[in-house]
N, C-alpha and C. Protein backbone atom coordinates (compact mmCIF):
# COMPACT_ATOMS: atom_id res chain seq x y z
N MET A 1 17.39 7.85 -10.77
CA MET A 1 16.38 8.35 -10.34
C MET A 1 16.62 7.82 -8.81
N LYS A 2 16.40 9.09 -7.82
CA LYS A 2 16.17 8.69 -6.45
C LYS A 2 14.74 8.39 -5.92
N PHE A 3 14.56 7.61 -5.26
CA PHE A 3 13.75 7.56 -4.55
C PHE A 3 13.42 7.21 -2.67
N ASP A 4 14.54 7.65 -2.44
CA ASP A 4 15.21 8.25 -0.69
C ASP A 4 14.30 9.35 -0.12
N GLY A 5 14.57 9.68 1.19
CA GLY A 5 14.43 10.60 1.36
C GLY A 5 13.57 11.24 1.06
N ILE A 6 14.56 12.40 1.17
CA ILE A 6 13.65 13.99 1.10
C ILE A 6 13.40 13.65 -1.39
N HIS A 7 13.99 13.15 -1.55
CA HIS A 7 14.18 12.81 -2.97
C HIS A 7 12.58 11.50 -3.30
N GLU A 8 12.10 11.00 -2.37
CA GLU A 8 11.05 10.20 -2.76
C GLU A 8 10.15 10.75 -3.97
N LYS A 9 9.69 9.98 -4.64
CA LYS A 9 9.28 10.24 -5.55
C LYS A 9 7.77 9.27 -5.50
N THR A 10 6.27 10.08 -6.79
CA THR A 10 5.50 9.33 -6.14
C THR A 10 4.70 10.00 -7.90
N LEU A 11 3.54 8.89 -8.12
CA LEU A 11 3.03 9.57 -9.45
C LEU A 11 1.62 10.38 -9.26
N VAL A 12 0.62 11.01 -9.55
CA VAL A 12 -0.16 11.16 -9.24
C VAL A 12 -0.69 11.96 -10.63
N LEU A 13 -2.07 11.33 -11.20
CA LEU A 13 -2.67 11.30 -12.26
C LEU A 13 -4.44 12.41 -12.40
N ILE A 14 -3.78 12.98 -13.25
CA ILE A 14 -5.04 13.81 -12.86
C ILE A 14 -6.41 13.69 -14.27
N LYS A 15 -7.25 13.28 -13.26
CA LYS A 15 -8.51 12.04 -14.49
C LYS A 15 -8.93 13.08 -15.31
N PRO A 16 -9.71 12.75 -16.12
CA PRO A 16 -10.89 12.57 -16.97
C PRO A 16 -11.43 14.01 -16.61
N ASP A 17 -12.39 13.57 -15.30
CA ASP A 17 -13.47 14.50 -14.80
C ASP A 17 -12.67 15.79 -14.85
N ALA A 18 -10.88 15.83 -14.19
CA ALA A 18 -10.66 16.83 -13.50
C ALA A 18 -10.50 18.07 -14.55
N VAL A 19 -9.30 17.34 -15.35
CA VAL A 19 -9.71 17.77 -16.88
C VAL A 19 -10.25 18.71 -17.45
N GLN A 20 -11.62 18.19 -17.64
CA GLN A 20 -13.08 18.45 -18.15
C GLN A 20 -13.17 19.79 -17.67
N ARG A 21 -13.33 19.46 -16.64
CA ARG A 21 -13.89 20.40 -15.31
C ARG A 21 -13.28 21.73 -15.57
N GLY A 22 -11.52 21.72 -15.46
CA GLY A 22 -10.79 23.15 -15.68
C GLY A 22 -10.29 22.77 -14.40
N LEU A 23 -10.07 21.69 -13.80
CA LEU A 23 -9.69 22.16 -12.23
C LEU A 23 -8.35 21.04 -12.03
N VAL A 24 -6.87 21.06 -12.97
CA VAL A 24 -5.95 20.86 -13.31
C VAL A 24 -4.94 22.19 -12.48
N GLY A 25 -5.51 23.02 -12.27
CA GLY A 25 -4.56 24.44 -12.11
C GLY A 25 -4.52 24.67 -10.35
N GLU A 26 -5.85 23.51 -9.83
CA GLU A 26 -6.23 23.91 -8.98
C GLU A 26 -5.85 23.38 -7.95
N ILE A 27 -5.63 22.11 -8.85
CA ILE A 27 -5.38 20.59 -7.87
C ILE A 27 -3.13 20.74 -7.82
N ILE A 28 -2.55 21.23 -9.00
CA ILE A 28 -1.22 21.59 -9.31
C ILE A 28 -1.47 22.08 -8.18
N LYS A 29 -1.83 22.85 -8.05
CA LYS A 29 -1.90 24.22 -6.95
C LYS A 29 -1.21 24.03 -5.26
N ARG A 30 -2.75 23.14 -4.90
CA ARG A 30 -2.37 22.17 -3.46
C ARG A 30 -1.71 20.92 -3.37
N PHE A 31 -0.43 21.16 -4.60
CA PHE A 31 0.45 20.14 -3.56
C PHE A 31 1.46 21.11 -3.44
N GLU A 32 1.50 22.04 -4.42
CA GLU A 32 2.97 22.86 -4.79
C GLU A 32 1.97 23.49 -3.10
N THR A 33 1.67 24.03 -3.03
CA THR A 33 1.03 25.44 -1.83
C THR A 33 1.83 24.18 0.01
N LYS A 34 1.30 22.69 -0.64
CA LYS A 34 1.56 21.85 0.67
C LYS A 34 3.30 21.85 0.57
N GLY A 35 4.11 22.34 -0.38
CA GLY A 35 5.51 22.41 0.14
C GLY A 35 6.29 21.10 -1.04
N LEU A 36 5.32 20.45 -1.88
CA LEU A 36 5.54 19.12 -2.68
C LEU A 36 6.41 19.98 -4.60
N LYS A 37 7.43 19.63 -4.44
CA LYS A 37 8.06 19.25 -5.52
C LYS A 37 7.39 18.93 -7.10
N VAL A 38 7.10 19.27 -7.60
CA VAL A 38 6.85 19.26 -9.02
C VAL A 38 8.31 19.01 -10.91
N VAL A 39 8.85 17.10 -10.43
CA VAL A 39 9.40 17.15 -10.96
C VAL A 39 9.48 16.42 -12.71
N GLY A 40 8.31 16.32 -12.52
CA GLY A 40 7.97 15.39 -13.96
C GLY A 40 6.27 16.38 -13.80
N LEU A 41 5.89 16.49 -15.22
CA LEU A 41 4.81 16.94 -15.69
C LEU A 41 4.14 17.02 -16.82
N LYS A 42 3.16 16.34 -17.67
CA LYS A 42 2.92 15.98 -18.76
C LYS A 42 1.52 15.92 -19.11
N MET A 43 0.83 16.39 -20.30
CA MET A 43 -0.77 16.00 -20.44
C MET A 43 -0.39 14.66 -21.07
N MET A 44 -1.51 14.09 -21.28
CA MET A 44 -1.39 12.66 -22.76
C MET A 44 -2.35 11.38 -22.86
N ARG A 45 -2.95 11.71 -23.77
CA ARG A 45 -3.67 10.54 -23.69
C ARG A 45 -3.22 8.65 -23.23
N LEU A 46 -4.06 8.66 -22.66
CA LEU A 46 -3.77 7.21 -22.21
C LEU A 46 -4.51 5.90 -23.35
N GLY A 47 -3.85 4.75 -23.72
CA GLY A 47 -4.29 3.55 -24.47
C GLY A 47 -4.42 2.42 -23.90
N ASP A 48 -5.04 1.73 -24.39
CA ASP A 48 -4.84 0.32 -23.75
C ASP A 48 -4.37 -0.55 -22.88
N ALA A 49 -3.30 -0.27 -24.05
CA ALA A 49 -1.65 -1.66 -23.07
C ALA A 49 -1.30 -0.83 -21.71
N VAL A 50 -1.30 0.58 -21.31
CA VAL A 50 -1.00 1.41 -20.59
C VAL A 50 -1.92 1.14 -19.54
N LEU A 51 -3.36 1.39 -19.43
CA LEU A 51 -4.06 1.31 -18.34
C LEU A 51 -4.84 -0.22 -18.08
N ARG A 52 -4.10 -1.36 -19.01
CA ARG A 52 -4.34 -2.56 -18.62
C ARG A 52 -3.05 -2.98 -17.23
N GLU A 53 -1.45 -2.33 -18.08
CA GLU A 53 -1.00 -1.94 -16.95
C GLU A 53 -1.30 -2.25 -15.51
N HIS A 54 -1.24 -0.76 -15.62
CA HIS A 54 -1.59 -0.11 -14.87
C HIS A 54 -3.08 0.11 -13.66
N TYR A 55 -4.25 -0.96 -14.35
CA TYR A 55 -5.01 -2.08 -13.70
C TYR A 55 -4.85 -3.15 -14.29
N ALA A 56 -3.86 -3.78 -13.51
CA ALA A 56 -3.68 -4.58 -13.66
C ALA A 56 -4.72 -5.95 -12.47
N HIS A 57 -4.47 -5.07 -11.49
CA HIS A 57 -5.25 -5.08 -10.47
C HIS A 57 -6.69 -5.69 -10.44
N ILE A 58 -7.49 -4.94 -11.61
CA ILE A 58 -8.74 -4.86 -11.57
C ILE A 58 -8.98 -5.45 -13.24
N ALA A 59 -8.35 -5.46 -13.67
CA ALA A 59 -8.60 -5.67 -15.06
C ALA A 59 -9.55 -6.84 -15.67
N SER A 60 -9.73 -7.65 -14.58
CA SER A 60 -9.98 -8.74 -14.61
C SER A 60 -11.61 -8.21 -14.04
N LYS A 61 -12.63 -7.49 -13.34
CA LYS A 61 -13.21 -7.31 -13.05
C LYS A 61 -14.52 -6.71 -14.03
N PRO A 62 -15.66 -6.65 -13.98
CA PRO A 62 -16.80 -6.76 -14.50
C PRO A 62 -16.00 -5.08 -14.86
N PHE A 63 -16.29 -4.59 -14.21
CA PHE A 63 -16.49 -2.81 -14.06
C PHE A 63 -15.59 -2.40 -14.42
N TYR A 64 -14.57 -2.79 -15.07
CA TYR A 64 -12.89 -2.73 -15.66
C TYR A 64 -13.05 -1.91 -16.60
N PRO A 65 -14.21 -2.36 -18.00
CA PRO A 65 -14.41 -1.62 -18.71
C PRO A 65 -14.42 -0.50 -18.51
N SER A 66 -15.65 0.14 -17.43
CA SER A 66 -16.37 1.24 -17.46
C SER A 66 -15.14 2.25 -17.07
N VAL A 67 -14.07 1.56 -16.66
CA VAL A 67 -12.87 2.68 -15.86
C VAL A 67 -11.78 3.17 -17.13
N GLU A 68 -11.70 1.65 -17.94
CA GLU A 68 -11.18 2.35 -19.21
C GLU A 68 -11.59 3.38 -19.93
N LYS A 69 -12.88 2.95 -20.54
CA LYS A 69 -13.77 4.09 -21.02
C LYS A 69 -13.08 5.20 -20.75
N PHE A 70 -13.29 5.81 -19.82
CA PHE A 70 -13.76 6.36 -18.34
C PHE A 70 -11.93 7.17 -18.41
N MET A 71 -11.20 7.08 -18.42
CA MET A 71 -9.91 6.92 -18.29
C MET A 71 -9.54 7.26 -19.88
N MET A 72 -9.97 6.74 -20.67
CA MET A 72 -9.66 7.42 -22.46
C MET A 72 -10.75 8.35 -23.08
N SER A 73 -11.20 8.57 -22.15
CA SER A 73 -12.76 9.71 -21.98
C SER A 73 -11.90 11.04 -21.97
N SER A 74 -10.87 11.32 -22.32
CA SER A 74 -10.46 12.89 -22.21
C SER A 74 -8.43 12.30 -21.91
N PRO A 75 -7.69 13.60 -22.06
CA PRO A 75 -6.78 13.40 -21.75
C PRO A 75 -7.12 13.71 -20.28
N VAL A 76 -5.10 13.18 -19.69
CA VAL A 76 -4.99 12.59 -18.16
C VAL A 76 -3.83 14.43 -17.94
N VAL A 77 -3.57 14.41 -16.55
CA VAL A 77 -2.75 15.29 -16.75
C VAL A 77 -1.51 14.03 -15.95
N ALA A 78 -0.59 13.87 -15.82
CA ALA A 78 0.34 13.02 -15.47
C ALA A 78 1.91 13.96 -14.54
N LEU A 79 1.74 13.56 -12.84
CA LEU A 79 2.40 13.98 -12.50
C LEU A 79 3.33 13.39 -12.38
N CYS A 80 5.16 13.55 -11.51
CA CYS A 80 5.96 12.84 -11.18
C CYS A 80 6.07 14.04 -9.52
N LEU A 81 6.20 13.76 -8.07
CA LEU A 81 5.91 15.00 -7.44
C LEU A 81 7.26 14.19 -6.35
N GLU A 82 8.18 15.47 -5.60
CA GLU A 82 9.10 14.89 -5.09
C GLU A 82 9.03 14.93 -3.73
N GLY A 83 9.02 14.86 -2.45
CA GLY A 83 9.48 15.10 -1.21
C GLY A 83 9.44 14.40 -0.57
N LEU A 84 9.28 14.67 1.05
CA LEU A 84 9.73 13.80 2.06
C LEU A 84 8.86 13.27 2.38
N GLU A 85 8.24 11.59 2.27
CA GLU A 85 7.09 10.84 2.74
C GLU A 85 6.62 11.67 1.69
N VAL A 86 6.52 11.60 0.69
CA VAL A 86 5.83 11.96 -0.49
C VAL A 86 4.65 11.67 -0.56
N VAL A 87 4.92 10.17 -0.85
CA VAL A 87 3.20 8.57 -1.13
C VAL A 87 1.99 9.69 0.23
N ASP A 88 2.14 9.42 1.28
CA ASP A 88 1.32 9.11 2.11
C ASP A 88 1.51 10.84 2.53
N ALA A 89 1.59 11.75 2.21
CA ALA A 89 1.74 13.59 1.73
C ALA A 89 0.33 13.50 1.18
N VAL A 90 1.09 12.71 -0.08
CA VAL A 90 -0.09 12.83 -1.99
C VAL A 90 -1.02 12.37 -1.31
N ARG A 91 -1.80 11.03 -0.19
CA ARG A 91 -2.39 10.02 -0.01
C ARG A 91 -3.32 11.14 0.99
N LEU A 92 -2.77 12.39 1.06
CA LEU A 92 -3.24 13.07 2.87
C LEU A 92 -3.96 14.26 1.93
N VAL A 93 -3.76 14.48 1.44
CA VAL A 93 -3.50 16.23 0.23
C VAL A 93 -5.31 15.81 -0.10
N MET A 94 -4.99 14.46 -0.96
CA MET A 94 -5.76 13.60 -1.99
C MET A 94 -7.17 13.37 -1.67
N GLY A 95 -7.14 12.70 0.03
CA GLY A 95 -9.32 12.50 0.47
C GLY A 95 -8.54 11.20 -0.29
N ILE A 96 -9.26 10.44 0.64
CA ILE A 96 -10.39 8.83 0.22
C ILE A 96 -11.11 8.68 -1.15
N THR A 97 -10.89 7.67 -1.85
CA THR A 97 -11.12 7.57 -2.75
C THR A 97 -13.19 7.35 -3.24
N LYS A 98 -13.12 7.52 -2.05
CA LYS A 98 -14.68 8.02 -2.09
C LYS A 98 -15.18 9.62 -1.39
N SER A 99 -15.29 10.15 -2.31
CA SER A 99 -15.37 11.63 -2.27
C SER A 99 -16.28 11.95 -1.73
N ARG A 100 -17.15 11.79 -1.76
CA ARG A 100 -18.26 11.90 -1.06
C ARG A 100 -18.17 12.18 0.32
N ALA A 101 -17.67 10.98 0.58
CA ALA A 101 -17.42 10.84 2.00
C ALA A 101 -15.24 11.52 2.48
N ALA A 102 -14.68 12.09 1.89
CA ALA A 102 -13.52 12.35 2.04
C ALA A 102 -13.66 13.88 2.79
N VAL A 103 -13.18 13.92 3.10
CA VAL A 103 -12.60 15.19 4.36
C VAL A 103 -12.22 16.54 4.03
N ALA A 104 -13.37 17.62 4.00
CA ALA A 104 -13.41 18.92 3.76
C ALA A 104 -11.27 19.38 3.94
N GLY A 105 -11.26 20.03 2.59
CA GLY A 105 -10.23 20.47 2.66
C GLY A 105 -9.22 19.74 2.05
N SER A 106 -9.44 18.27 1.58
CA SER A 106 -8.69 17.24 1.02
C SER A 106 -9.14 17.62 -0.79
N ILE A 107 -8.07 17.52 -1.22
CA ILE A 107 -8.99 17.43 -3.21
C ILE A 107 -9.72 17.24 -3.06
N ARG A 108 -9.83 15.74 -2.98
CA ARG A 108 -11.96 14.65 -3.77
C ARG A 108 -13.05 15.12 -1.69
N GLY A 109 -12.23 16.13 -1.53
CA GLY A 109 -14.07 16.37 -0.45
C GLY A 109 -13.92 17.55 -0.95
N ASP A 110 -13.07 18.54 -1.20
CA ASP A 110 -13.27 19.73 -2.43
C ASP A 110 -13.44 20.11 -3.54
N LEU A 111 -13.14 18.52 -4.04
CA LEU A 111 -13.61 18.66 -5.14
C LEU A 111 -14.02 17.83 -6.12
N ALA A 112 -15.30 16.98 -5.59
CA ALA A 112 -15.71 15.61 -5.69
C ALA A 112 -16.88 15.49 -5.42
N MET A 113 -17.57 14.13 -5.54
CA MET A 113 -18.75 13.39 -5.33
C MET A 113 -18.78 11.59 -5.86
N GLY A 114 -17.67 12.15 -6.43
CA GLY A 114 -18.05 9.98 -6.88
C GLY A 114 -16.77 9.52 -6.60
N TYR A 115 -17.01 8.30 -6.88
CA TYR A 115 -16.02 7.26 -6.41
C TYR A 115 -15.17 6.45 -7.28
N GLY A 116 -16.06 6.69 -8.79
CA GLY A 116 -14.70 6.63 -9.73
C GLY A 116 -14.45 7.76 -10.48
N CYS A 117 -15.67 8.57 -10.23
CA CYS A 117 -15.16 10.07 -10.65
C CYS A 117 -14.66 10.74 -9.96
N ASN A 118 -13.47 10.44 -9.95
CA ASN A 118 -13.01 11.22 -8.09
C ASN A 118 -11.90 12.37 -8.35
N VAL A 119 -11.78 12.72 -9.78
CA VAL A 119 -10.78 13.65 -10.19
C VAL A 119 -9.13 13.39 -9.97
N ILE A 120 -8.51 12.95 -9.46
CA ILE A 120 -7.46 11.98 -9.65
C ILE A 120 -7.12 10.40 -8.84
N HIS A 121 -5.84 10.08 -9.22
CA HIS A 121 -5.63 8.87 -8.32
C HIS A 121 -3.99 9.17 -8.02
N GLY A 122 -3.52 8.66 -7.48
CA GLY A 122 -2.29 8.55 -6.44
C GLY A 122 -1.13 6.94 -5.81
N SER A 123 -0.32 6.90 -6.04
CA SER A 123 -0.26 6.00 -5.74
C SER A 123 0.11 5.88 -4.07
N ASP A 124 -0.42 4.44 -3.86
CA ASP A 124 -0.39 3.92 -2.59
C ASP A 124 0.97 3.86 -2.22
N THR A 125 1.73 2.53 -2.30
CA THR A 125 2.70 2.73 -1.95
C THR A 125 4.41 3.21 -1.97
N VAL A 126 5.43 3.11 -1.72
CA VAL A 126 6.74 3.57 -2.47
C VAL A 126 7.32 2.27 -3.14
N GLU A 127 6.31 1.19 -2.84
CA GLU A 127 6.98 0.47 -4.29
C GLU A 127 6.17 0.12 -5.31
N ASN A 128 5.01 0.50 -4.86
CA ASN A 128 4.11 1.13 -6.58
C ASN A 128 3.90 2.47 -6.84
N ALA A 129 4.99 3.49 -6.53
CA ALA A 129 5.12 4.04 -7.11
C ALA A 129 6.35 4.74 -8.06
N GLN A 130 7.63 3.46 -7.25
CA GLN A 130 8.67 3.59 -8.38
C GLN A 130 8.09 3.48 -9.74
N ALA A 131 7.51 2.12 -9.57
CA ALA A 131 6.74 1.73 -10.57
C ALA A 131 5.94 2.44 -11.31
N GLU A 132 4.81 3.15 -10.56
CA GLU A 132 4.26 4.13 -11.37
C GLU A 132 4.64 5.38 -11.83
N VAL A 133 5.80 5.62 -11.80
CA VAL A 133 6.78 6.98 -12.19
C VAL A 133 7.02 6.23 -13.63
N ALA A 134 7.86 5.11 -13.21
CA ALA A 134 8.73 4.69 -14.38
C ALA A 134 7.08 4.30 -16.11
N ARG A 135 6.59 3.15 -15.35
CA ARG A 135 5.65 3.69 -16.85
C ARG A 135 4.83 4.76 -17.27
N PHE A 136 5.23 6.05 -16.02
CA PHE A 136 4.06 7.20 -16.94
C PHE A 136 5.26 7.87 -17.47
N PHE A 137 6.46 7.82 -16.90
CA PHE A 137 7.02 8.41 -17.11
C PHE A 137 9.46 8.22 -17.54
N LYS A 138 9.49 8.83 -18.78
CA LYS A 138 10.69 8.05 -19.36
C LYS A 138 12.07 9.00 -17.85
N PRO A 139 12.50 8.95 -17.68
CA PRO A 139 14.09 8.57 -16.74
C PRO A 139 14.61 9.81 -16.76
N ASP A 140 14.48 10.73 -18.43
CA ASP A 140 14.79 11.87 -18.90
C ASP A 140 13.89 13.49 -18.29
N GLU A 141 12.72 12.62 -18.35
CA GLU A 141 11.15 13.36 -18.40
C GLU A 141 10.83 13.90 -16.61
N ILE A 142 12.02 13.04 -16.04
CA ILE A 142 12.36 13.15 -14.60
C ILE A 142 12.56 14.77 -14.47
N LEU A 143 12.67 16.08 -14.40
CA LEU A 143 14.20 16.34 -14.12
C LEU A 143 14.69 16.96 -12.39
N ASP A 144 15.63 16.82 -12.19
CA ASP A 144 16.37 16.78 -10.49
C ASP A 144 16.78 19.28 -10.92
N TYR A 145 16.16 19.36 -10.12
CA TYR A 145 16.61 20.45 -9.33
C TYR A 145 16.53 21.67 -7.87
N ASP A 146 17.20 22.55 -7.39
CA ASP A 146 17.60 22.59 -6.22
C ASP A 146 16.01 23.59 -6.11
N LYS A 147 15.72 23.32 -4.87
CA LYS A 147 14.07 24.02 -4.53
C LYS A 147 14.75 24.77 -3.31
N GLY A 148 15.04 26.24 -3.23
CA GLY A 148 15.35 26.92 -2.29
C GLY A 148 14.15 27.11 -1.97
N GLU A 149 13.12 26.57 -1.61
CA GLU A 149 12.07 26.44 -0.77
C GLU A 149 11.74 26.17 -0.09
N TYR A 150 12.60 24.54 -0.44
CA TYR A 150 13.14 23.41 1.33
C TYR A 150 13.35 23.71 1.80
N LEU A 151 14.21 25.20 2.37
CA LEU A 151 15.08 25.32 3.45
C LEU A 151 13.60 26.18 4.22
N HIS A 152 12.71 26.30 3.96
CA HIS A 152 11.39 27.00 4.05
C HIS A 152 9.81 25.87 4.87
N VAL A 153 10.29 24.41 3.97
CA VAL A 153 9.56 23.29 4.16
C VAL A 153 10.53 22.39 5.20
N TYR A 154 11.13 21.72 5.11
CA TYR A 154 11.81 21.23 5.79
C TYR A 154 12.80 21.50 6.75
N SER A 155 12.94 20.87 8.17
CA SER A 155 13.55 21.60 9.79
C SER A 155 15.34 21.19 8.10
N ASP A 156 16.39 21.32 9.05
CA ASP A 156 17.93 20.45 8.54
C ASP A 156 17.84 18.68 8.94
N ASP A 157 17.65 18.81 9.97
CA ASP A 157 17.13 17.24 9.82
C ASP A 157 16.95 16.60 8.68
N GLU A 158 16.03 16.76 8.19
CA GLU A 158 14.52 16.58 7.20
C GLU A 158 15.96 16.78 5.56
N ARG A 159 15.97 17.54 5.81
CA ARG A 159 16.68 17.50 5.06
C ARG A 159 17.75 17.14 4.22
N VAL A 160 18.79 16.02 5.47
CA VAL A 160 19.57 15.10 4.95
C VAL A 160 19.09 14.24 4.31
């Protein structure tokens, strides 16, 4: 799996609230419209083990049980997206965590109001993206393919 240059990858989880509200297509469309490439996509239910690993940084906090309950309340859709500086691009398209304060035009700014129910998760660093992609996708679930659209998304010097 490549994680350099145009092949940088990141994880996006479309959370239970978005799945229940029928926002999956709208959210994926936002990333595709931006010019990012979907290289992995699956719907799944999250269990205790993967949630504890994914949320290890808050697993000891008193509010963690409610996060776990929410994330197990419905399936999620896991996406692996690829593109140049994709982690930063996804963070920009998503908007800030506190949805009601997120800028209009961002996913959270347009589609959410809550802090916990904020429709989407995205990796926050390239290093975390590498770990999170590996946590949610097996290597054979990430598909490498040419995307002709890249000729119209990136300039020549960005595609090297």
